Every structure is written in C-alpha cells, then in structure tokens.
C-alpha cells in the first residue's frame, strides 16, 4: 500500500466518522428534550402556596419549541458531510472538500450557543479528513528517469578531472 493509498483510506474513514457524528448529533437533537420549564402554582397574598398545588415540570424537544423548520436546520451538517464524502474521489475535492469542512466548522462555531457544540466533533473530523485527502492530491506517477542522453551520461565520457578515481573501490 502506497503513501497515497494510506492517506486516501484515512480520509475516507475520517469522513465516514464525521458523517456518523453529524447524523448522531442530529438524531439526538431531534429526539431528546432540549427545553424544560416549570409551571409555578398561584401564590396567595400572604406569600404562601395554596394547599394541594404542586410545581409542574415540562420538557420540550427542539421541534416542539421552535417548529418544524428546525428539521431543515438539523439536516444541514449531515448533508455537508455526506456531500464531502461523495466528492472525495472526484477532481472537485481540491476545492469542495475543504470548503465543506470549513462550512461545517463555521456552522458549529456560529451555533455554539445553541446546537453548534454538538457538531464540533464532526467538524474536527471533517477538517482532518480534508487535510488527509489533500495531502496527496494526485497519485504518484511513474518515476522520471534521469536523462541519459548527452555528453555526460557515464563516467567514461566525463573529463578526467570530473571522473572518479578508478583505483579505489567505493
């Protein structure tokens, strides 16, 4: 396995890891409660709770609190990583893969106050995968041979002051 193949395999597995991390974060944010609230009972004029009243706790998911448009927002990071994974074997990867990795990193940093930190592992994996995919841009071709034509192709044709001494073994 050449160095180029190793870099491509690492980039592929890191991209798959980024996709799994982004999809897992999106599924967790859709299913798990993100908001909690408490409903306090009425307080009497004396500053005490009425007997028999309790504090009621309630939890909401992102979609319940913000509406269905949040699904589009949460689908963006897995879509970016999937597109990066799909473009990993084309010539467009030179521009697209780092741009998509940067977009995912920007998404996670801008949204850090709400859901962005959930996508930070996927963003880091995607940036590292972009680095591996660009470390070997093209597969190495056949090695170029040294030019063997011309007056200086062998030690016999060199002038005497450039030729190695013949009496010593190297």
N, C-alpha and C. Protein backbone atom coordinates (compact mmCIF):
# COMPACT_ATOMS: atom_id res chain seq x y z
N UNK A 1 0.85 -1.17 0.00
CA UNK A 1 0.00 0.00 0.00
C UNK A 1 0.90 1.24 0.00
N UNK A 2 0.65 2.13 -0.92
CA UNK A 2 1.49 3.31 -1.03
C UNK A 2 1.03 4.38 -0.04
N UNK A 3 1.84 5.41 0.07
CA UNK A 3 1.52 6.52 0.97
C UNK A 3 0.23 7.21 0.51
N UNK A 4 0.03 7.28 -0.78
CA UNK A 4 -1.18 7.87 -1.34
C UNK A 4 -2.41 7.07 -0.93
N UNK A 5 -2.33 5.74 -1.00
CA UNK A 5 -3.46 4.89 -0.61
C UNK A 5 -3.77 5.00 0.88
N UNK A 6 -2.74 5.11 1.69
CA UNK A 6 -2.94 5.25 3.13
C UNK A 6 -3.65 6.57 3.44
N UNK A 7 -3.22 7.65 2.80
CA UNK A 7 -3.85 8.95 3.02
C UNK A 7 -5.31 8.93 2.55
N UNK A 8 -5.58 8.28 1.43
CA UNK A 8 -6.97 8.20 0.95
C UNK A 8 -7.83 7.37 1.88
N UNK A 9 -7.29 6.28 2.40
CA UNK A 9 -8.06 5.44 3.32
C UNK A 9 -8.35 6.19 4.62
N UNK A 10 -7.36 6.92 5.13
CA UNK A 10 -7.60 7.70 6.35
C UNK A 10 -8.64 8.78 6.11
N UNK A 11 -8.56 9.45 4.97
CA UNK A 11 -9.54 10.49 4.66
C UNK A 11 -10.94 9.90 4.55
N UNK A 12 -11.04 8.72 3.95
CA UNK A 12 -12.35 8.08 3.82
C UNK A 12 -12.93 7.73 5.18
N UNK A 13 -12.13 7.10 6.04
CA UNK A 13 -12.65 6.70 7.35
C UNK A 13 -12.94 7.89 8.25
N UNK A 14 -12.15 8.94 8.15
CA UNK A 14 -12.44 10.15 8.91
C UNK A 14 -13.72 10.82 8.42
N UNK A 15 -13.94 10.79 7.10
CA UNK A 15 -15.18 11.35 6.56
C UNK A 15 -16.40 10.54 6.99
N UNK A 16 -16.25 9.22 7.01
CA UNK A 16 -17.35 8.37 7.49
C UNK A 16 -17.61 8.66 8.98
N UNK A 17 -16.56 8.82 9.75
CA UNK A 17 -16.72 9.16 11.16
C UNK A 17 -17.40 10.50 11.36
N UNK A 18 -17.06 11.48 10.51
CA UNK A 18 -17.72 12.79 10.58
C UNK A 18 -19.19 12.67 10.24
N UNK A 19 -19.52 11.84 9.24
CA UNK A 19 -20.92 11.64 8.87
C UNK A 19 -21.70 10.99 10.01
N UNK A 20 -21.11 9.98 10.64
CA UNK A 20 -21.78 9.30 11.76
C UNK A 20 -21.96 10.27 12.93
N UNK A 21 -20.94 11.07 13.22
CA UNK A 21 -21.04 12.03 14.33
C UNK A 21 -22.10 13.10 14.05
N UNK A 22 -22.14 13.61 12.83
CA UNK A 22 -23.14 14.64 12.49
C UNK A 22 -24.55 14.07 12.49
N UNK A 23 -24.72 12.88 11.93
CA UNK A 23 -26.05 12.26 11.92
C UNK A 23 -26.49 11.90 13.33
N UNK A 24 -25.58 11.41 14.15
CA UNK A 24 -25.91 11.09 15.53
C UNK A 24 -26.32 12.32 16.33
N UNK A 25 -25.61 13.43 16.11
CA UNK A 25 -25.97 14.66 16.81
C UNK A 25 -27.34 15.15 16.36
N UNK A 26 -27.63 15.06 15.07
CA UNK A 26 -28.93 15.50 14.57
C UNK A 26 -30.06 14.64 15.12
N UNK A 27 -29.87 13.34 15.14
CA UNK A 27 -30.91 12.45 15.67
C UNK A 27 -31.12 12.71 17.16
N UNK A 28 -30.03 12.90 17.89
CA UNK A 28 -30.15 13.18 19.32
C UNK A 28 -30.87 14.50 19.57
N UNK A 29 -30.58 15.51 18.76
CA UNK A 29 -31.24 16.80 18.94
C UNK A 29 -32.71 16.76 18.55
N UNK A 30 -33.08 15.87 17.63
CA UNK A 30 -34.48 15.74 17.26
C UNK A 30 -35.26 15.00 18.33
N UNK A 31 -34.68 13.95 18.90
CA UNK A 31 -35.43 13.07 19.79
C UNK A 31 -35.38 13.47 21.27
N UNK A 32 -34.25 13.99 21.72
CA UNK A 32 -34.09 14.25 23.14
C UNK A 32 -34.67 15.61 23.53
N UNK A 33 -35.19 15.74 24.73
CA UNK A 33 -35.72 17.04 25.16
C UNK A 33 -34.60 18.07 25.29
N UNK A 34 -34.86 19.25 24.81
CA UNK A 34 -33.86 20.30 24.83
C UNK A 34 -34.26 21.45 25.75
N UNK A 35 -35.53 21.58 26.01
CA UNK A 35 -36.02 22.66 26.85
C UNK A 35 -36.80 22.07 28.02
N UNK A 36 -36.69 22.71 29.14
CA UNK A 36 -37.52 22.31 30.27
C UNK A 36 -38.09 23.58 30.91
N UNK A 37 -39.27 23.46 31.42
CA UNK A 37 -39.91 24.60 32.07
C UNK A 37 -40.68 24.11 33.28
N UNK A 38 -41.02 25.02 34.12
CA UNK A 38 -41.79 24.69 35.32
C UNK A 38 -42.95 25.67 35.42
N UNK A 39 -44.08 25.15 35.75
CA UNK A 39 -45.25 25.98 35.96
C UNK A 39 -45.44 26.11 37.46
N UNK A 40 -45.35 27.32 37.94
CA UNK A 40 -45.48 27.55 39.38
C UNK A 40 -46.96 27.75 39.73
N UNK A 41 -47.36 27.27 40.87
CA UNK A 41 -48.74 27.46 41.29
C UNK A 41 -48.98 28.90 41.75
N UNK A 42 -50.22 29.24 41.94
CA UNK A 42 -50.60 30.57 42.40
C UNK A 42 -50.11 30.78 43.83
N UNK A 43 -49.63 31.95 44.09
CA UNK A 43 -49.17 32.30 45.42
C UNK A 43 -50.22 33.19 46.08
N UNK A 44 -50.53 32.92 47.30
CA UNK A 44 -51.53 33.74 48.00
C UNK A 44 -50.94 35.09 48.37
N UNK A 45 -51.79 35.99 48.87
CA UNK A 45 -51.32 37.32 49.23
C UNK A 45 -50.38 37.28 50.43
N UNK A 46 -50.43 36.22 51.17
CA UNK A 46 -49.52 36.07 52.31
C UNK A 46 -48.17 35.52 51.88
N UNK A 47 -48.02 35.18 50.61
CA UNK A 47 -46.74 34.69 50.11
C UNK A 47 -46.57 33.20 50.26
N UNK A 48 -47.65 32.49 50.41
CA UNK A 48 -47.56 31.04 50.57
C UNK A 48 -48.36 30.37 49.47
N UNK A 49 -47.94 29.14 49.16
CA UNK A 49 -48.65 28.35 48.16
C UNK A 49 -49.96 27.85 48.75
N UNK A 50 -50.92 27.74 47.90
CA UNK A 50 -52.20 27.18 48.34
C UNK A 50 -52.01 25.69 48.56
N UNK A 51 -52.68 25.11 49.51
CA UNK A 51 -52.50 23.68 49.77
C UNK A 51 -52.97 22.84 48.58
N UNK A 52 -52.22 21.77 48.31
CA UNK A 52 -52.57 20.85 47.24
C UNK A 52 -52.01 21.24 45.89
N UNK A 53 -51.39 22.39 45.75
CA UNK A 53 -50.81 22.79 44.47
C UNK A 53 -49.34 22.36 44.42
N UNK A 54 -48.90 21.90 43.24
CA UNK A 54 -47.51 21.46 43.07
C UNK A 54 -46.90 22.17 41.88
N UNK A 55 -45.60 22.09 41.84
CA UNK A 55 -44.87 22.64 40.70
C UNK A 55 -44.86 21.57 39.61
N UNK A 56 -45.26 21.96 38.41
CA UNK A 56 -45.35 21.03 37.30
C UNK A 56 -44.17 21.28 36.36
N UNK A 57 -43.36 20.24 36.12
CA UNK A 57 -42.26 20.34 35.18
C UNK A 57 -42.65 19.84 33.81
N UNK A 58 -42.07 20.44 32.79
CA UNK A 58 -42.42 20.08 31.42
C UNK A 58 -41.16 20.16 30.57
N UNK A 59 -40.98 19.24 29.65
CA UNK A 59 -39.82 19.28 28.76
C UNK A 59 -40.30 19.25 27.31
N UNK A 60 -39.53 19.93 26.45
CA UNK A 60 -39.88 20.05 25.03
C UNK A 60 -38.68 19.69 24.17
N UNK A 61 -38.94 19.12 23.01
CA UNK A 61 -37.87 18.90 22.04
C UNK A 61 -37.68 20.19 21.24
N UNK A 62 -36.66 20.22 20.41
CA UNK A 62 -36.41 21.42 19.60
C UNK A 62 -37.57 21.69 18.65
N UNK A 63 -38.13 20.64 18.06
CA UNK A 63 -39.24 20.84 17.12
C UNK A 63 -40.49 21.33 17.83
N UNK A 64 -40.75 20.86 19.04
CA UNK A 64 -41.92 21.31 19.78
C UNK A 64 -41.77 22.77 20.19
N UNK A 65 -40.57 23.19 20.50
CA UNK A 65 -40.36 24.56 20.95
C UNK A 65 -40.20 25.54 19.80
N UNK A 66 -39.57 25.13 18.70
CA UNK A 66 -39.25 26.06 17.61
C UNK A 66 -40.05 25.84 16.34
N UNK A 67 -40.70 24.72 16.19
CA UNK A 67 -41.45 24.44 14.98
C UNK A 67 -40.72 23.45 14.08
N UNK A 68 -41.39 23.08 13.02
CA UNK A 68 -40.83 22.04 12.14
C UNK A 68 -39.67 22.52 11.27
N UNK A 69 -39.47 23.80 11.13
CA UNK A 69 -38.38 24.30 10.30
C UNK A 69 -37.02 23.87 10.86
N UNK A 70 -36.97 23.51 12.13
CA UNK A 70 -35.71 23.10 12.76
C UNK A 70 -35.15 21.83 12.13
N UNK A 71 -36.03 21.02 11.53
CA UNK A 71 -35.56 19.80 10.88
C UNK A 71 -34.64 20.12 9.71
N UNK A 72 -34.93 21.17 8.97
CA UNK A 72 -34.06 21.57 7.86
C UNK A 72 -32.71 22.05 8.39
N UNK A 73 -32.77 22.77 9.47
CA UNK A 73 -31.55 23.27 10.09
C UNK A 73 -30.67 22.13 10.59
N UNK A 74 -31.30 21.11 11.19
CA UNK A 74 -30.55 19.98 11.73
C UNK A 74 -30.09 19.01 10.65
N UNK A 75 -30.66 19.08 9.47
CA UNK A 75 -30.25 18.22 8.37
C UNK A 75 -29.03 18.78 7.63
N UNK A 76 -28.69 20.03 7.86
CA UNK A 76 -27.59 20.67 7.15
C UNK A 76 -26.21 20.04 7.44
N UNK A 77 -25.81 19.83 8.69
CA UNK A 77 -24.47 19.23 8.93
C UNK A 77 -24.31 17.82 8.36
N UNK A 78 -25.27 16.90 8.51
CA UNK A 78 -25.08 15.61 7.85
C UNK A 78 -25.04 15.72 6.34
N UNK A 79 -25.80 16.66 5.78
CA UNK A 79 -25.77 16.84 4.32
C UNK A 79 -24.40 17.35 3.87
N UNK A 80 -23.79 18.25 4.63
CA UNK A 80 -22.45 18.74 4.28
C UNK A 80 -21.42 17.61 4.33
N UNK A 81 -21.48 16.79 5.35
CA UNK A 81 -20.51 15.69 5.45
C UNK A 81 -20.75 14.63 4.39
N UNK A 82 -22.01 14.39 4.07
CA UNK A 82 -22.32 13.41 3.02
C UNK A 82 -21.84 13.91 1.66
N UNK A 83 -22.02 15.19 1.40
CA UNK A 83 -21.54 15.76 0.14
C UNK A 83 -20.02 15.73 0.07
N UNK A 84 -19.38 16.00 1.18
CA UNK A 84 -17.92 15.92 1.23
C UNK A 84 -17.43 14.50 0.98
N UNK A 85 -18.15 13.54 1.52
CA UNK A 85 -17.81 12.13 1.30
C UNK A 85 -18.03 11.73 -0.15
N UNK A 86 -19.09 12.23 -0.76
CA UNK A 86 -19.39 11.90 -2.15
C UNK A 86 -18.38 12.52 -3.11
N UNK A 87 -17.89 13.71 -2.79
CA UNK A 87 -16.94 14.39 -3.67
C UNK A 87 -15.49 13.99 -3.40
N UNK A 88 -15.27 13.10 -2.44
CA UNK A 88 -13.92 12.75 -2.05
C UNK A 88 -13.10 12.08 -3.13
N UNK A 89 -13.72 11.49 -4.14
CA UNK A 89 -12.97 10.78 -5.17
C UNK A 89 -12.95 11.51 -6.49
N UNK A 90 -13.49 12.70 -6.56
CA UNK A 90 -13.54 13.45 -7.81
C UNK A 90 -12.47 14.54 -7.80
N UNK A 91 -12.33 15.19 -8.92
CA UNK A 91 -11.36 16.27 -9.03
C UNK A 91 -11.84 17.50 -8.27
N UNK A 92 -13.14 17.59 -8.01
CA UNK A 92 -13.70 18.74 -7.29
C UNK A 92 -13.30 18.74 -5.82
N UNK A 93 -12.70 17.66 -5.35
CA UNK A 93 -12.35 17.59 -3.94
C UNK A 93 -11.32 18.62 -3.54
N UNK A 94 -10.52 19.08 -4.48
CA UNK A 94 -9.46 20.04 -4.18
C UNK A 94 -10.05 21.32 -3.61
N UNK A 95 -11.21 21.72 -4.10
CA UNK A 95 -11.87 22.94 -3.63
C UNK A 95 -13.03 22.61 -2.70
N UNK A 96 -13.82 21.61 -3.05
CA UNK A 96 -15.08 21.36 -2.35
C UNK A 96 -14.89 20.76 -0.97
N UNK A 97 -14.01 19.81 -0.81
CA UNK A 97 -13.87 19.15 0.49
C UNK A 97 -13.39 20.12 1.58
N UNK A 98 -12.36 20.93 1.34
CA UNK A 98 -12.01 21.91 2.38
C UNK A 98 -13.09 22.97 2.60
N UNK A 99 -13.79 23.36 1.54
CA UNK A 99 -14.86 24.34 1.70
C UNK A 99 -16.02 23.78 2.53
N UNK A 100 -16.38 22.53 2.28
CA UNK A 100 -17.45 21.91 3.06
C UNK A 100 -17.02 21.68 4.51
N UNK A 101 -15.77 21.29 4.71
CA UNK A 101 -15.27 21.12 6.08
C UNK A 101 -15.24 22.47 6.81
N UNK A 102 -14.83 23.51 6.11
CA UNK A 102 -14.86 24.85 6.71
C UNK A 102 -16.27 25.32 6.99
N UNK A 103 -17.21 24.99 6.12
CA UNK A 103 -18.61 25.34 6.35
C UNK A 103 -19.17 24.65 7.57
N UNK A 104 -18.83 23.39 7.76
CA UNK A 104 -19.29 22.66 8.93
C UNK A 104 -18.65 23.21 10.20
N UNK A 105 -17.38 23.57 10.13
CA UNK A 105 -16.72 24.17 11.28
C UNK A 105 -17.33 25.53 11.61
N UNK A 106 -17.62 26.32 10.59
CA UNK A 106 -18.27 27.62 10.79
C UNK A 106 -19.66 27.44 11.40
N UNK A 107 -20.40 26.45 10.92
CA UNK A 107 -21.73 26.14 11.45
C UNK A 107 -21.64 25.82 12.94
N UNK A 108 -20.68 25.01 13.32
CA UNK A 108 -20.57 24.60 14.72
C UNK A 108 -20.09 25.75 15.60
N UNK A 109 -19.26 26.64 15.08
CA UNK A 109 -18.79 27.76 15.88
C UNK A 109 -19.83 28.87 16.01
N UNK A 110 -20.54 29.16 14.92
CA UNK A 110 -21.58 30.19 14.97
C UNK A 110 -22.75 29.72 15.84
N UNK A 111 -23.08 28.46 15.74
CA UNK A 111 -24.19 27.94 16.53
C UNK A 111 -23.77 27.40 17.88
N UNK A 112 -22.60 27.79 18.37
CA UNK A 112 -22.09 27.24 19.62
C UNK A 112 -22.98 27.56 20.81
N UNK A 113 -23.73 28.64 20.74
CA UNK A 113 -24.60 29.00 21.85
C UNK A 113 -25.81 28.08 21.96
N UNK A 114 -26.17 27.41 20.87
CA UNK A 114 -27.35 26.54 20.94
C UNK A 114 -26.98 25.09 20.62
N UNK A 115 -26.90 24.74 19.35
CA UNK A 115 -26.66 23.34 18.98
C UNK A 115 -25.31 23.12 18.32
N UNK A 116 -24.55 24.16 18.12
CA UNK A 116 -23.29 24.03 17.38
C UNK A 116 -22.26 23.15 18.03
N UNK A 117 -22.20 23.13 19.34
CA UNK A 117 -21.18 22.31 20.01
C UNK A 117 -21.44 20.82 19.83
N UNK A 118 -22.68 20.44 19.55
CA UNK A 118 -22.97 19.04 19.27
C UNK A 118 -22.30 18.59 17.97
N UNK A 119 -22.07 19.53 17.06
CA UNK A 119 -21.49 19.22 15.76
C UNK A 119 -19.98 19.46 15.70
N UNK A 120 -19.38 19.91 16.79
CA UNK A 120 -17.95 20.18 16.79
C UNK A 120 -17.10 18.94 16.53
N UNK A 121 -17.40 17.76 17.09
CA UNK A 121 -16.60 16.57 16.74
C UNK A 121 -16.67 16.23 15.26
N UNK A 122 -17.85 16.37 14.67
CA UNK A 122 -17.98 16.11 13.23
C UNK A 122 -17.18 17.12 12.42
N UNK A 123 -17.16 18.37 12.87
CA UNK A 123 -16.41 19.41 12.16
C UNK A 123 -14.91 19.15 12.23
N UNK A 124 -14.43 18.76 13.39
CA UNK A 124 -12.99 18.48 13.54
C UNK A 124 -12.59 17.27 12.69
N UNK A 125 -13.40 16.22 12.72
CA UNK A 125 -13.11 15.04 11.89
C UNK A 125 -13.13 15.40 10.41
N UNK A 126 -14.04 16.26 10.02
CA UNK A 126 -14.15 16.66 8.62
C UNK A 126 -12.94 17.50 8.18
N UNK A 127 -12.47 18.37 9.05
CA UNK A 127 -11.29 19.19 8.72
C UNK A 127 -10.04 18.30 8.60
N UNK A 128 -9.89 17.35 9.50
CA UNK A 128 -8.73 16.44 9.43
C UNK A 128 -8.82 15.56 8.19
N UNK A 129 -10.03 15.11 7.84
CA UNK A 129 -10.21 14.32 6.63
C UNK A 129 -9.88 15.14 5.39
N UNK A 130 -10.24 16.41 5.39
CA UNK A 130 -9.88 17.27 4.26
C UNK A 130 -8.37 17.41 4.14
N UNK A 131 -7.70 17.50 5.27
CA UNK A 131 -6.24 17.57 5.24
C UNK A 131 -5.61 16.31 4.67
N UNK A 132 -6.14 15.15 5.06
CA UNK A 132 -5.61 13.89 4.51
C UNK A 132 -5.94 13.74 3.04
N UNK A 133 -7.13 14.17 2.62
CA UNK A 133 -7.48 13.99 1.22
C UNK A 133 -6.68 14.91 0.32
N UNK A 134 -6.20 16.03 0.87
CA UNK A 134 -5.41 16.94 0.06
C UNK A 134 -3.91 16.74 0.23
N UNK A 135 -3.50 15.88 1.16
CA UNK A 135 -2.07 15.69 1.37
C UNK A 135 -1.42 15.03 0.16
N UNK A 136 -2.15 14.20 -0.52
CA UNK A 136 -1.67 13.59 -1.76
C UNK A 136 -2.71 13.90 -2.83
N UNK A 137 -2.57 15.00 -3.51
CA UNK A 137 -3.60 15.44 -4.45
C UNK A 137 -3.78 14.50 -5.62
N UNK A 138 -2.71 14.02 -6.14
CA UNK A 138 -2.80 13.10 -7.28
C UNK A 138 -1.95 11.88 -6.98
N UNK A 139 -2.33 10.75 -7.52
CA UNK A 139 -1.49 9.58 -7.28
C UNK A 139 -0.13 9.76 -7.92
N UNK A 140 0.89 9.23 -7.30
CA UNK A 140 2.22 9.40 -7.89
C UNK A 140 2.32 8.64 -9.20
N UNK A 141 2.87 9.30 -10.19
CA UNK A 141 3.05 8.68 -11.49
C UNK A 141 4.35 7.90 -11.52
N UNK A 142 4.69 7.40 -12.69
CA UNK A 142 5.97 6.69 -12.79
C UNK A 142 7.12 7.65 -12.52
N UNK A 143 8.14 7.13 -11.89
CA UNK A 143 9.29 7.98 -11.59
C UNK A 143 9.97 8.41 -12.88
N UNK A 144 10.38 9.65 -12.87
CA UNK A 144 11.09 10.15 -14.05
C UNK A 144 12.53 9.67 -13.98
N UNK A 145 12.97 9.18 -15.08
CA UNK A 145 14.36 8.74 -15.15
C UNK A 145 15.26 9.94 -15.38
N UNK A 146 16.47 9.78 -14.91
CA UNK A 146 17.43 10.83 -15.21
C UNK A 146 17.74 10.79 -16.69
N UNK A 147 18.04 11.92 -17.19
CA UNK A 147 18.34 12.00 -18.62
C UNK A 147 19.63 11.24 -18.89
N UNK A 148 19.55 10.31 -19.84
CA UNK A 148 20.73 9.50 -20.13
C UNK A 148 21.37 9.89 -21.46
N UNK A 149 20.81 10.85 -22.09
CA UNK A 149 21.41 11.28 -23.35
C UNK A 149 22.28 12.50 -23.12
N UNK A 150 23.20 12.71 -23.97
CA UNK A 150 24.06 13.86 -23.84
C UNK A 150 25.49 13.42 -23.58
N UNK A 151 26.39 14.35 -23.50
CA UNK A 151 27.80 14.01 -23.38
C UNK A 151 28.19 13.48 -22.01
N UNK A 152 27.41 13.69 -20.97
CA UNK A 152 27.81 13.30 -19.62
C UNK A 152 26.98 12.15 -19.09
N UNK A 153 26.75 11.13 -19.88
CA UNK A 153 25.88 10.05 -19.44
C UNK A 153 26.60 8.98 -18.65
N UNK A 154 27.89 8.91 -18.72
CA UNK A 154 28.63 7.89 -17.96
C UNK A 154 29.97 8.48 -17.54
N UNK A 155 30.59 7.82 -16.59
CA UNK A 155 31.87 8.31 -16.08
C UNK A 155 32.95 8.26 -17.13
N UNK A 156 32.82 7.37 -18.13
CA UNK A 156 33.83 7.27 -19.17
C UNK A 156 33.87 8.50 -20.05
N UNK A 157 32.74 9.17 -20.18
CA UNK A 157 32.71 10.31 -21.08
C UNK A 157 32.97 11.62 -20.37
N UNK A 158 33.12 11.60 -19.03
CA UNK A 158 33.41 12.83 -18.29
C UNK A 158 34.87 13.21 -18.49
N UNK A 159 35.14 14.48 -18.41
CA UNK A 159 36.55 14.87 -18.43
C UNK A 159 37.27 14.26 -17.23
N UNK A 160 38.59 14.10 -17.35
CA UNK A 160 39.34 13.39 -16.32
C UNK A 160 39.26 14.04 -14.96
N UNK A 161 39.21 15.34 -14.88
CA UNK A 161 39.19 15.98 -13.58
C UNK A 161 37.82 15.85 -12.90
N UNK A 162 36.74 15.43 -13.62
CA UNK A 162 35.43 15.17 -13.02
C UNK A 162 35.21 13.69 -12.75
N UNK A 163 35.96 12.83 -13.40
CA UNK A 163 35.73 11.39 -13.28
C UNK A 163 36.24 10.89 -11.93
N UNK A 164 35.54 9.89 -11.34
CA UNK A 164 36.01 9.33 -10.07
C UNK A 164 37.28 8.53 -10.30
N UNK A 165 38.13 8.48 -9.31
CA UNK A 165 39.36 7.69 -9.47
C UNK A 165 39.02 6.22 -9.64
N UNK A 166 39.75 5.54 -10.53
CA UNK A 166 39.45 4.16 -10.87
C UNK A 166 40.17 3.16 -9.96
N UNK A 167 41.15 3.61 -9.22
CA UNK A 167 41.91 2.67 -8.44
C UNK A 167 41.28 2.39 -7.07
N UNK A 168 40.31 3.19 -6.61
CA UNK A 168 39.67 2.95 -5.31
C UNK A 168 38.28 2.39 -5.51
N UNK A 169 37.92 1.48 -4.63
CA UNK A 169 36.56 0.94 -4.66
C UNK A 169 35.70 1.75 -3.71
N UNK A 170 34.52 2.04 -4.12
CA UNK A 170 33.63 2.85 -3.28
C UNK A 170 32.75 1.97 -2.50
